[in-house]
Each structure stands twice: as C-alpha cells, then as structure tokens.
Amino acid sequence: MGRLDGKVAFITGAARGQGRSHAIRLAQEGADIIGIDVMEEVPGAPYAAATEEDLAETVRQVEALDRRIIATKADVRDYDQVKKAVDDGVAQLGRLDIVSANAGISTQMAPSEELSDEIFMDMLDVNLAGVWRTCKATIPHLKSSGRGGSIILTSSDAGLFGYPNIAHYVSAKHGVVGLMRTLALELAPDMIRVNSIHPTTVDTPMIANDATYRLFRPDLENPTKEDMGEAAIQMNALPIPWVEALDISNAVLFLASEEARYITGVPLPVDAGAFVK
C-alpha cells in the first residue's frame, strides 16, 4: 500500500526541477497527478524556461509508475488558466486531495533601488499571487469533497530571513508564509491543512546559471557552480552546498500524507540547518 493510494495531487511548475520531482515522488506512493507549467520565458530570468518536452518527460516518468497524469500548459499569473486546468483535471481523475503550489521564478539580482518596477511586480505576480491563485482555484474542490486535504506552499529560507540583492524574491517568499498561516486558520474547520516548505539552495536550473553564481561569488569575474558551492556551503549548518529536489519532495510527501494529519500552519525548513545558523 502506498502512502497516497487513491489520492490526486495538483502540482504547479511540474515540467522539471522540484515540480517534476514532487510529481514522481507522490506518484511512487500511489497518487495520480494534475500538473501545469507555463513553459514560456519570464522577463529577467537568467535561465531558460521549461519546455513542452520537459513536461512530456514528467508525464512519461509518472506513467512509467502506472499512475495517471493530466498535464497541461497554464500560467499561475492567470487565474482562469489555473482554474480550468484544475477543473478539467478533477473532472477526469475524479477528486482532489493534495495541492503543491510549487511554481516560482528567480529574476534579476541587484540592490533594491536598482530593481525595476516591472521586475519587482513580476516576481510578486508569480511567487506570491500565483500561489494564492493556485489555492483559490483548488480550495473549492477540497472543501466539496468533505475529506479534508493538504495544501503545501513552496516558500524558501528567504521566506524566513533576508538576503541582499533579491528584495523582490524575499518579499514574495515572506508573503507566502503569511498566506499559509491565514489559510491554515480559514480552512481548519474543513480539515484542510496548509503548510509551507522552506528549502535552502536546491540543485535545479534556478541556481545552475551564471547570475546565481555571481550572486554567491561577487569576488570572482566568472564563477562556476563549484565556486558557488564553496560559498553556499557556508550558509548551511550541515557541511553541504545544496540539497536535491528529492529532499524537498520527501517533505512534501510527508505533509501530504496521513502521517502529518494534525500538522497545519507550520513553516517547515528543509535547509541543512541554514535557519538555525
């Protein structure tokens, strides 16, 4: 018996990185998946967007586990697109039990006064308002089932303390915590649990790019991933530079499972001890 047998999970940003990892890990434990991804370039992002081929690979890997998956193109900046994807997925798979609001971006990194209004607001639109839209589209399905459910919001260690040169990212990720705590109170009467995940640096395309390397190693003209790792390891209490997507997926699985049935309103760091350091 899988820990999520018979359940359905909705995952945003499912084409690659943490989103794909979450889809595979939940499917391994018996869940069927509804997944979306924008698969379009985001202004100011220092890395290439996910592609349709990436999303197709997520589908392939989930189906290889003998689980069902409905995967579509949708943008968390557009509530109607998210709602349609959720509604269509629930119509085909019959229910909704778990929500992973995972989609997020990293864009220009600079002192606060140098960030443009567009860059700042785009970040909030995806990393904060996009999480709210995901919850808004899914809550009615969770409520109507009468079975309760679990909503897991992806924040960051940057949602627990500040970092220089990413004020827009830190602001959005702190906002996710406030949203989580409010939803936990609003939805508790329906036995719907709401928690947030706070990773340290995760080895995905969001960090594997020159802009992130330079953020961590401004002392070098052309820093590499290995150079970044030397600085990143200083952030964590455990002597590692970053965690893997699977480490975050295992935490999402725990919060989605009955093992966490009375855990709600909790910001959960998965950060190699960065928060306590």
C-alpha atoms as a PDB file:
ATOM      1  CA  MET A   1       0.000   0.000   0.000  1.00  0.00           C
ATOM      2  CA  GLY A   2       1.309   3.431  -0.958  1.00  0.00           C
ATOM      3  CA  ARG A   3       1.010   6.285   1.460  1.00  0.00           C
ATOM      4  CA  LEU A   4      -1.153   8.207  -1.055  1.00  0.00           C
ATOM      5  CA  ASP A   5      -3.123   5.388  -2.679  1.00  0.00           C
ATOM      6  CA  GLY A   6      -6.312   6.650  -4.333  1.00  0.00           C
ATOM      7  CA  LYS A   7      -5.443  10.316  -3.948  1.00  0.00           C
ATOM      8  CA  VAL A   8      -4.959  13.053  -6.546  1.00  0.00           C
ATOM      9  CA  ALA A   9      -2.399  15.863  -6.331  1.00  0.00           C
ATOM     10  CA  PHE A  10      -2.294  19.157  -8.228  1.00  0.00           C
ATOM     11  CA  ILE A  11       1.245  20.456  -8.808  1.00  0.00           C
ATOM     12  CA  THR A  12       2.276  23.759 -10.380  1.00  0.00           C
ATOM     13  CA  GLY A  13       5.617  24.096 -12.148  1.00  0.00           C
ATOM     14  CA  ALA A  14       5.543  20.384 -12.912  1.00  0.00           C
ATOM     15  CA  ALA A  15       7.692  20.330 -16.054  1.00  0.00           C
ATOM     16  CA  ARG A  16      11.061  19.993 -14.332  1.00  0.00           C
ATOM     17  CA  GLY A  17      13.038  20.692 -11.169  1.00  0.00           C
ATOM     18  CA  GLN A  18      11.214  20.408  -7.876  1.00  0.00           C
ATOM     19  CA  GLY A  19       7.804  20.175  -9.572  1.00  0.00           C
ATOM     20  CA  ARG A  20       8.752  17.110 -11.594  1.00  0.00           C
ATOM     21  CA  SER A  21      10.389  15.576  -8.541  1.00  0.00           C
ATOM     22  CA  HIS A  22       7.215  16.130  -6.492  1.00  0.00           C
ATOM     23  CA  ALA A  23       5.064  14.558  -9.207  1.00  0.00           C
ATOM     24  CA  ILE A  24       7.245  11.463  -9.384  1.00  0.00           C
ATOM     25  CA  ARG A  25       7.584  11.065  -5.612  1.00  0.00           C
ATOM     26  CA  LEU A  26       3.848  11.394  -4.967  1.00  0.00           C
ATOM     27  CA  ALA A  27       3.110   9.020  -7.832  1.00  0.00           C
ATOM     28  CA  GLN A  28       5.515   6.496  -6.333  1.00  0.00           C
ATOM     29  CA  GLU A  29       3.276   6.490  -3.266  1.00  0.00           C
ATOM     30  CA  GLY A  30       0.076   5.954  -5.261  1.00  0.00           C
ATOM     31  CA  ALA A  31      -1.168   9.439  -6.207  1.00  0.00           C
ATOM     32  CA  ASP A  32      -2.465  10.465  -9.600  1.00  0.00           C
ATOM     33  CA  ILE A  33      -1.266  13.868 -10.772  1.00  0.00           C
ATOM     34  CA  ILE A  34      -2.672  17.039 -12.284  1.00  0.00           C
ATOM     35  CA  GLY A  35       0.282  19.153 -13.399  1.00  0.00           C
ATOM     36  CA  ILE A  36       0.736  22.536 -15.048  1.00  0.00           C
ATOM     37  CA  ASP A  37       3.654  24.634 -16.232  1.00  0.00           C
ATOM     38  CA  VAL A  38       3.877  27.916 -18.126  1.00  0.00           C
ATOM     39  CA  MET A  39       6.706  26.811 -20.470  1.00  0.00           C
ATOM     40  CA  GLU A  40       7.377  30.406 -21.531  1.00  0.00           C
ATOM     41  CA  GLU A  41      10.331  32.712 -20.956  1.00  0.00           C
ATOM     42  CA  VAL A  42       9.937  35.026 -17.962  1.00  0.00           C
ATOM     43  CA  PRO A  43      11.368  38.551 -18.374  1.00  0.00           C
ATOM     44  CA  GLY A  44      14.563  38.951 -16.378  1.00  0.00           C
ATOM     45  CA  ALA A  45      15.020  35.252 -15.622  1.00  0.00           C
ATOM     46  CA  PRO A  46      18.688  34.235 -16.034  1.00  0.00           C
ATOM     47  CA  TYR A  47      17.865  30.691 -17.145  1.00  0.00           C
ATOM     48  CA  ALA A  48      15.863  29.110 -19.958  1.00  0.00           C
ATOM     49  CA  ALA A  49      12.227  28.271 -19.354  1.00  0.00           C
ATOM     50  CA  ALA A  50      10.946  24.724 -19.177  1.00  0.00           C
ATOM     51  CA  THR A  51       9.706  23.301 -22.463  1.00  0.00           C
ATOM     52  CA  GLU A  52       6.895  21.109 -23.703  1.00  0.00           C
ATOM     53  CA  GLU A  53       9.460  18.332 -23.951  1.00  0.00           C
ATOM     54  CA  ASP A  54      10.227  18.793 -20.261  1.00  0.00           C
ATOM     55  CA  LEU A  55       6.564  18.435 -19.343  1.00  0.00           C
ATOM     56  CA  ALA A  56       6.269  15.394 -21.617  1.00  0.00           C
ATOM     57  CA  GLU A  57       9.165  13.816 -19.715  1.00  0.00           C
ATOM     58  CA  THR A  58       7.336  14.373 -16.424  1.00  0.00           C
ATOM     59  CA  VAL A  59       4.315  12.638 -17.950  1.00  0.00           C
ATOM     60  CA  ARG A  60       6.472   9.768 -19.145  1.00  0.00           C
ATOM     61  CA  GLN A  61       8.035   9.201 -15.758  1.00  0.00           C
ATOM     62  CA  VAL A  62       4.736   9.335 -13.886  1.00  0.00           C
ATOM     63  CA  GLU A  63       3.054   6.980 -16.340  1.00  0.00           C
ATOM     64  CA  ALA A  64       6.006   4.599 -16.035  1.00  0.00           C
ATOM     65  CA  LEU A  65       4.909   4.225 -12.399  1.00  0.00           C
ATOM     66  CA  ASP A  66       1.472   3.127 -13.623  1.00  0.00           C
ATOM     67  CA  ARG A  67      -0.172   6.310 -12.381  1.00  0.00           C
ATOM     68  CA  ARG A  68      -2.425   8.688 -14.280  1.00  0.00           C
ATOM     69  CA  ILE A  69      -1.370  12.256 -15.029  1.00  0.00           C
ATOM     70  CA  ILE A  70      -3.153  15.171 -16.682  1.00  0.00           C
ATOM     71  CA  ALA A  71      -0.509  17.709 -17.694  1.00  0.00           C
ATOM     72  CA  THR A  72      -1.312  20.985 -19.415  1.00  0.00           C
ATOM     73  CA  LYS A  73       0.137  24.402 -20.193  1.00  0.00           C
ATOM     74  CA  ALA A  74      -1.108  27.048 -17.762  1.00  0.00           C
ATOM     75  CA  ASP A  75       0.277  30.220 -16.212  1.00  0.00           C
ATOM     76  CA  VAL A  76      -0.154  30.894 -12.480  1.00  0.00           C
ATOM     77  CA  ARG A  77      -0.360  34.599 -13.359  1.00  0.00           C
ATOM     78  CA  ASP A  78      -3.728  33.850 -14.995  1.00  0.00           C
ATOM     79  CA  TYR A  79      -6.426  32.612 -12.609  1.00  0.00           C
ATOM     80  CA  ASP A  80      -8.722  31.431 -15.393  1.00  0.00           C
ATOM     81  CA  GLN A  81      -5.987  29.212 -16.843  1.00  0.00           C
ATOM     82  CA  VAL A  82      -5.232  27.682 -13.451  1.00  0.00           C
ATOM     83  CA  LYS A  83      -8.906  27.113 -12.655  1.00  0.00           C
ATOM     84  CA  LYS A  84      -9.545  25.445 -15.999  1.00  0.00           C
ATOM     85  CA  ALA A  85      -6.586  23.113 -15.524  1.00  0.00           C
ATOM     86  CA  VAL A  86      -7.759  22.174 -12.030  1.00  0.00           C
ATOM     87  CA  ASP A  87     -11.398  21.737 -13.030  1.00  0.00           C
ATOM     88  CA  ASP A  88     -10.546  19.646 -16.100  1.00  0.00           C
ATOM     89  CA  GLY A  89      -8.126  17.502 -14.122  1.00  0.00           C
ATOM     90  CA  VAL A  90     -10.614  16.840 -11.342  1.00  0.00           C
ATOM     91  CA  ALA A  91     -13.298  16.019 -13.912  1.00  0.00           C
ATOM     92  CA  GLN A  92     -11.024  13.369 -15.439  1.00  0.00           C
ATOM     93  CA  LEU A  93      -9.460  11.959 -12.276  1.00  0.00           C
ATOM     94  CA  GLY A  94     -12.496  12.286 -10.043  1.00  0.00           C
ATOM     95  CA  ARG A  95     -11.147  14.079  -6.982  1.00  0.00           C
ATOM     96  CA  LEU A  96      -8.519  16.361  -5.462  1.00  0.00           C
ATOM     97  CA  ASP A  97      -6.707  15.768  -2.173  1.00  0.00           C
ATOM     98  CA  ILE A  98      -3.297  17.442  -2.332  1.00  0.00           C
ATOM     99  CA  VAL A  99      -2.078  20.788  -3.666  1.00  0.00           C
ATOM    100  CA  SER A 100       1.588  21.622  -4.205  1.00  0.00           C
ATOM    101  CA  ALA A 101       1.889  25.317  -5.075  1.00  0.00           C
ATOM    102  CA  ASN A 102       5.435  24.928  -6.322  1.00  0.00           C
ATOM    103  CA  ALA A 103       5.765  27.219  -9.352  1.00  0.00           C
ATOM    104  CA  GLY A 104       8.265  30.014  -8.844  1.00  0.00           C
ATOM    105  CA  ILE A 105      10.873  32.130 -10.594  1.00  0.00           C
ATOM    106  CA  SER A 106      14.173  33.838  -9.967  1.00  0.00           C
ATOM    107  CA  THR A 107      14.910  37.010 -11.913  1.00  0.00           C
ATOM    108  CA  GLN A 108      17.334  39.933 -11.890  1.00  0.00           C
ATOM    109  CA  MET A 109      19.508  40.123  -8.775  1.00  0.00           C
ATOM    110  CA  ALA A 110      20.505  43.635  -7.746  1.00  0.00           C
ATOM    111  CA  PRO A 111      20.284  46.127  -4.871  1.00  0.00           C
ATOM    112  CA  SER A 112      16.696  47.126  -4.132  1.00  0.00           C
ATOM    113  CA  GLU A 113      16.975  50.605  -5.618  1.00  0.00           C
ATOM    114  CA  GLU A 114      18.159  49.148  -8.920  1.00  0.00           C
ATOM    115  CA  LEU A 115      15.231  46.770  -9.420  1.00  0.00           C
ATOM    116  CA  SER A 116      12.677  47.971 -11.929  1.00  0.00           C
ATOM    117  CA  ASP A 117       9.008  48.151 -11.055  1.00  0.00           C
ATOM    118  CA  GLU A 118       8.300  45.523 -13.722  1.00  0.00           C
ATOM    119  CA  ILE A 119      10.849  43.052 -12.349  1.00  0.00           C
ATOM    120  CA  PHE A 120       9.613  43.517  -8.778  1.00  0.00           C
ATOM    121  CA  MET A 121       5.942  43.121  -9.644  1.00  0.00           C
ATOM    122  CA  ASP A 122       6.515  40.154 -11.970  1.00  0.00           C
ATOM    123  CA  MET A 123       8.160  38.363  -9.058  1.00  0.00           C
ATOM    124  CA  LEU A 124       5.216  39.037  -6.767  1.00  0.00           C
ATOM    125  CA  ASP A 125       2.781  38.020  -9.502  1.00  0.00           C
ATOM    126  CA  VAL A 126       4.345  34.563  -9.870  1.00  0.00           C
ATOM    127  CA  ASN A 127       5.853  33.737  -6.483  1.00  0.00           C
ATOM    128  CA  LEU A 128       3.115  35.158  -4.267  1.00  0.00           C
ATOM    129  CA  ALA A 129      -0.050  35.941  -6.205  1.00  0.00           C
ATOM    130  CA  GLY A 130       0.462  32.774  -8.262  1.00  0.00           C
ATOM    131  CA  VAL A 131       0.429  30.743  -5.046  1.00  0.00           C
ATOM    132  CA  TRP A 132      -2.763  32.497  -3.952  1.00  0.00           C
ATOM    133  CA  ARG A 133      -4.409  31.832  -7.349  1.00  0.00           C
ATOM    134  CA  THR A 134      -3.459  28.169  -7.068  1.00  0.00           C
ATOM    135  CA  CYS A 135      -5.118  27.974  -3.667  1.00  0.00           C
ATOM    136  CA  LYS A 136      -8.175  29.927  -4.833  1.00  0.00           C
ATOM    137  CA  ALA A 137      -8.698  27.509  -7.737  1.00  0.00           C
ATOM    138  CA  THR A 138      -8.252  24.353  -5.674  1.00  0.00           C
ATOM    139  CA  ILE A 139      -9.911  25.119  -2.326  1.00  0.00           C
ATOM    140  CA  PRO A 140     -13.488  24.640  -3.614  1.00  0.00           C
ATOM    141  CA  HIS A 141     -12.643  21.096  -4.745  1.00  0.00           C
ATOM    142  CA  LEU A 142     -11.010  20.259  -1.420  1.00  0.00           C
ATOM    143  CA  LYS A 143     -13.958  21.660   0.509  1.00  0.00           C
ATOM    144  CA  SER A 144     -16.642  19.972  -1.583  1.00  0.00           C
ATOM    145  CA  SER A 145     -15.113  16.541  -1.131  1.00  0.00           C
ATOM    146  CA  GLY A 146     -15.696  16.580   2.614  1.00  0.00           C
ATOM    147  CA  ARG A 147     -12.484  14.572   3.035  1.00  0.00           C
ATOM    148  CA  GLY A 148     -10.183  17.414   4.038  1.00  0.00           C
ATOM    149  CA  GLY A 149      -6.865  17.724   2.269  1.00  0.00           C
ATOM    150  CA  SER A 150      -3.347  19.091   2.331  1.00  0.00           C
ATOM    151  CA  ILE A 151      -2.015  22.270   0.719  1.00  0.00           C
ATOM    152  CA  ILE A 152       1.761  22.699   0.608  1.00  0.00           C
ATOM    153  CA  LEU A 153       3.134  26.097  -0.399  1.00  0.00           C
ATOM    154  CA  THR A 154       6.719  26.332  -1.603  1.00  0.00           C
ATOM    155  CA  SER A 155       8.490  29.245   0.043  1.00  0.00           C
ATOM    156  CA  SER A 156      12.239  29.398   0.770  1.00  0.00           C
ATOM    157  CA  ASP A 157      14.714  30.102   3.519  1.00  0.00           C
ATOM    158  CA  ALA A 158      14.346  33.568   2.005  1.00  0.00           C
ATOM    159  CA  GLY A 159      10.810  33.458   3.397  1.00  0.00           C
ATOM    160  CA  LEU A 160      12.244  33.259   6.915  1.00  0.00           C
ATOM    161  CA  PHE A 161      15.066  35.799   6.787  1.00  0.00           C
ATOM    162  CA  GLY A 162      16.531  38.384   4.443  1.00  0.00           C
ATOM    163  CA  TYR A 163      19.147  38.182   1.708  1.00  0.00           C
ATOM    164  CA  PRO A 164      20.756  41.170  -0.009  1.00  0.00           C
ATOM    165  CA  ASN A 165      20.146  41.850  -3.702  1.00  0.00           C
ATOM    166  CA  ILE A 166      16.918  39.827  -4.004  1.00  0.00           C
ATOM    167  CA  ALA A 167      14.400  42.054  -2.223  1.00  0.00           C
ATOM    168  CA  HIS A 168      11.627  41.063  -4.635  1.00  0.00           C
ATOM    169  CA  TYR A 169      12.220  37.336  -4.041  1.00  0.00           C
ATOM    170  CA  VAL A 170      12.492  37.727  -0.268  1.00  0.00           C
ATOM    171  CA  SER A 171       9.316  39.820  -0.173  1.00  0.00           C
ATOM    172  CA  ALA A 172       7.329  37.271  -2.170  1.00  0.00           C
ATOM    173  CA  LYS A 173       8.565  34.319  -0.150  1.00  0.00           C
ATOM    174  CA  HIS A 174       7.803  36.056   3.159  1.00  0.00           C
ATOM    175  CA  GLY A 175       4.332  36.766   1.804  1.00  0.00           C
ATOM    176  CA  VAL A 176       3.800  33.059   1.198  1.00  0.00           C
ATOM    177  CA  VAL A 177       4.228  32.443   4.935  1.00  0.00           C
ATOM    178  CA  GLY A 178       1.526  34.966   5.797  1.00  0.00           C
ATOM    179  CA  LEU A 179      -0.777  33.430   3.218  1.00  0.00           C
ATOM    180  CA  MET A 180      -0.088  29.951   4.601  1.00  0.00           C
ATOM    181  CA  ARG A 181      -0.884  30.945   8.172  1.00  0.00           C
ATOM    182  CA  THR A 182      -4.085  32.692   7.162  1.00  0.00           C
ATOM    183  CA  LEU A 183      -5.301  29.785   5.024  1.00  0.00           C
ATOM    184  CA  ALA A 184      -4.459  27.324   7.806  1.00  0.00           C
ATOM    185  CA  LEU A 185      -6.902  29.166  10.049  1.00  0.00           C
ATOM    186  CA  GLU A 186      -9.563  29.651   7.390  1.00  0.00           C
ATOM    187  CA  LEU A 187      -9.542  26.038   6.237  1.00  0.00           C
ATOM    188  CA  ALA A 188      -9.083  24.209   9.535  1.00  0.00           C
ATOM    189  CA  PRO A 189     -12.853  23.738  10.060  1.00  0.00           C
ATOM    190  CA  ASP A 190     -12.867  21.708   6.821  1.00  0.00           C
ATOM    191  CA  MET A 191      -9.872  19.584   7.943  1.00  0.00           C
ATOM    192  CA  ILE A 192      -7.769  21.093   5.175  1.00  0.00           C
ATOM    193  CA  ARG A 193      -4.192  21.504   6.355  1.00  0.00           C
ATOM    194  CA  VAL A 194      -1.916  24.232   4.995  1.00  0.00           C
ATOM    195  CA  ASN A 195       1.855  24.300   5.491  1.00  0.00           C
ATOM    196  CA  SER A 196       4.872  25.842   3.777  1.00  0.00           C
ATOM    197  CA  ILE A 197       8.212  24.338   2.749  1.00  0.00           C
ATOM    198  CA  HIS A 198      11.407  26.375   3.098  1.00  0.00           C
ATOM    199  CA  PRO A 199      14.335  24.945   1.132  1.00  0.00           C
ATOM    200  CA  THR A 200      17.891  26.129   1.234  1.00  0.00           C
ATOM    201  CA  THR A 201      19.599  26.197  -2.170  1.00  0.00           C
ATOM    202  CA  VAL A 202      18.279  23.329  -4.313  1.00  0.00           C
ATOM    203  CA  ASP A 203      20.247  21.875  -7.232  1.00  0.00           C
ATOM    204  CA  THR A 204      17.866  22.794 -10.070  1.00  0.00           C
ATOM    205  CA  PRO A 205      18.102  25.082 -13.135  1.00  0.00           C
ATOM    206  CA  MET A 206      17.062  28.017 -10.937  1.00  0.00           C
ATOM    207  CA  ILE A 207      20.512  28.014  -9.319  1.00  0.00           C
ATOM    208  CA  ALA A 208      22.569  26.417 -12.087  1.00  0.00           C
ATOM    209  CA  ASN A 209      23.139  29.655 -14.005  1.00  0.00           C
ATOM    210  CA  ASP A 210      25.726  32.418 -14.202  1.00  0.00           C
ATOM    211  CA  ALA A 211      23.595  35.034 -12.431  1.00  0.00           C
ATOM    212  CA  THR A 212      23.228  32.890  -9.327  1.00  0.00           C
ATOM    213  CA  TYR A 213      26.908  32.003  -9.377  1.00  0.00           C
ATOM    214  CA  ARG A 214      27.747  35.709  -9.395  1.00  0.00           C
ATOM    215  CA  LEU A 215      25.275  36.423  -6.577  1.00  0.00           C
ATOM    216  CA  PHE A 216      27.115  33.964  -4.365  1.00  0.00           C
ATOM    217  CA  ARG A 217      30.618  34.825  -5.620  1.00  0.00           C
ATOM    218  CA  PRO A 218      30.781  38.543  -6.451  1.00  0.00           C
ATOM    219  CA  ASP A 219      34.513  38.324  -5.785  1.00  0.00           C
ATOM    220  CA  LEU A 220      35.081  36.335  -8.985  1.00  0.00           C
ATOM    221  CA  GLU A 221      34.730  37.550 -12.560  1.00  0.00           C
ATOM    222  CA  ASN A 222      33.446  34.261 -13.992  1.00  0.00           C
ATOM    223  CA  PRO A 223      32.442  31.990 -11.098  1.00  0.00           C
ATOM    224  CA  THR A 224      31.487  28.369 -11.731  1.00  0.00           C
ATOM    225  CA  LYS A 225      28.996  26.126  -9.982  1.00  0.00           C
ATOM    226  CA  GLU A 226      31.850  24.739  -7.926  1.00  0.00           C
ATOM    227  CA  ASP A 227      32.849  28.276  -6.914  1.00  0.00           C
ATOM    228  CA  MET A 228      29.274  28.962  -5.867  1.00  0.00           C
ATOM    229  CA  GLY A 229      29.252  25.747  -3.856  1.00  0.00           C
ATOM    230  CA  GLU A 230      32.192  26.982  -1.796  1.00  0.00           C
ATOM    231  CA  ALA A 231      30.108  29.975  -0.714  1.00  0.00           C
ATOM    232  CA  ALA A 232      26.778  28.143  -0.458  1.00  0.00           C
ATOM    233  CA  ILE A 233      28.192  25.630   1.997  1.00  0.00           C
ATOM    234  CA  GLN A 234      28.812  28.489   4.409  1.00  0.00           C
ATOM    235  CA  MET A 235      25.057  29.146   4.612  1.00  0.00           C
ATOM    236  CA  ASN A 236      24.201  25.734   5.997  1.00  0.00           C
ATOM    237  CA  ALA A 237      24.899  24.136   9.355  1.00  0.00           C
ATOM    238  CA  LEU A 238      25.373  20.747   7.723  1.00  0.00           C
ATOM    239  CA  PRO A 239      28.506  20.794   5.537  1.00  0.00           C
ATOM    240  CA  ILE A 240      26.768  20.613   2.142  1.00  0.00           C
ATOM    241  CA  PRO A 241      26.344  23.327  -0.518  1.00  0.00           C
ATOM    242  CA  TRP A 242      22.775  22.465  -1.522  1.00  0.00           C
ATOM    243  CA  VAL A 243      20.049  19.854  -1.249  1.00  0.00           C
ATOM    244  CA  GLU A 244      18.470  17.811  -4.021  1.00  0.00           C
ATOM    245  CA  ALA A 245      14.922  18.198  -5.321  1.00  0.00           C
ATOM    246  CA  LEU A 246      14.101  14.786  -3.875  1.00  0.00           C
ATOM    247  CA  ASP A 247      14.814  16.087  -0.375  1.00  0.00           C
ATOM    248  CA  ILE A 248      12.073  18.660  -0.827  1.00  0.00           C
ATOM    249  CA  SER A 249       9.761  16.083  -2.413  1.00  0.00           C
ATOM    250  CA  ASN A 250      10.102  13.810   0.607  1.00  0.00           C
ATOM    251  CA  ALA A 251       8.989  16.680   2.853  1.00  0.00           C
ATOM    252  CA  VAL A 252       6.048  17.411   0.528  1.00  0.00           C
ATOM    253  CA  LEU A 253       5.109  13.721   0.679  1.00  0.00           C
ATOM    254  CA  PHE A 254       5.188  13.746   4.475  1.00  0.00           C
ATOM    255  CA  LEU A 255       2.959  16.836   4.701  1.00  0.00           C
ATOM    256  CA  ALA A 256       0.580  15.343   2.136  1.00  0.00           C
ATOM    257  CA  SER A 257       0.303  12.023   3.958  1.00  0.00           C
ATOM    258  CA  GLU A 258      -1.755  10.872   6.917  1.00  0.00           C
ATOM    259  CA  GLU A 259       1.449  10.888   8.939  1.00  0.00           C
ATOM    260  CA  ALA A 260       1.032  14.681   9.119  1.00  0.00           C
ATOM    261  CA  ARG A 261      -2.733  14.626   9.618  1.00  0.00           C
ATOM    262  CA  TYR A 262      -2.651  17.097  12.507  1.00  0.00           C
ATOM    263  CA  ILE A 263       0.144  19.334  11.255  1.00  0.00           C
ATOM    264  CA  THR A 264      -1.052  22.684   9.930  1.00  0.00           C
ATOM    265  CA  GLY A 265       0.171  26.274   9.917  1.00  0.00           C
ATOM    266  CA  VAL A 266       3.816  25.185  10.009  1.00  0.00           C
ATOM    267  CA  PRO A 267       6.744  26.700   8.062  1.00  0.00           C
ATOM    268  CA  LEU A 268       8.985  23.640   7.584  1.00  0.00           C
ATOM    269  CA  PRO A 269      12.642  24.313   6.736  1.00  0.00           C
ATOM    270  CA  VAL A 270      14.393  21.692   4.604  1.00  0.00           C
ATOM    271  CA  ASP A 271      17.621  23.598   4.651  1.00  0.00           C
ATOM    272  CA  ALA A 272      20.552  21.661   6.120  1.00  0.00           C
ATOM    273  CA  GLY A 273      20.299  23.855   9.203  1.00  0.00           C
ATOM    274  CA  ALA A 274      20.581  27.216   7.438  1.00  0.00           C
ATOM    275  CA  PHE A 275      17.793  28.732   9.527  1.00  0.00           C
ATOM    276  CA  VAL A 276      19.404  27.901  12.873  1.00  0.00           C
ATOM    277  CA  LYS A 277      22.821  29.032  11.656  1.00  0.00           C
END
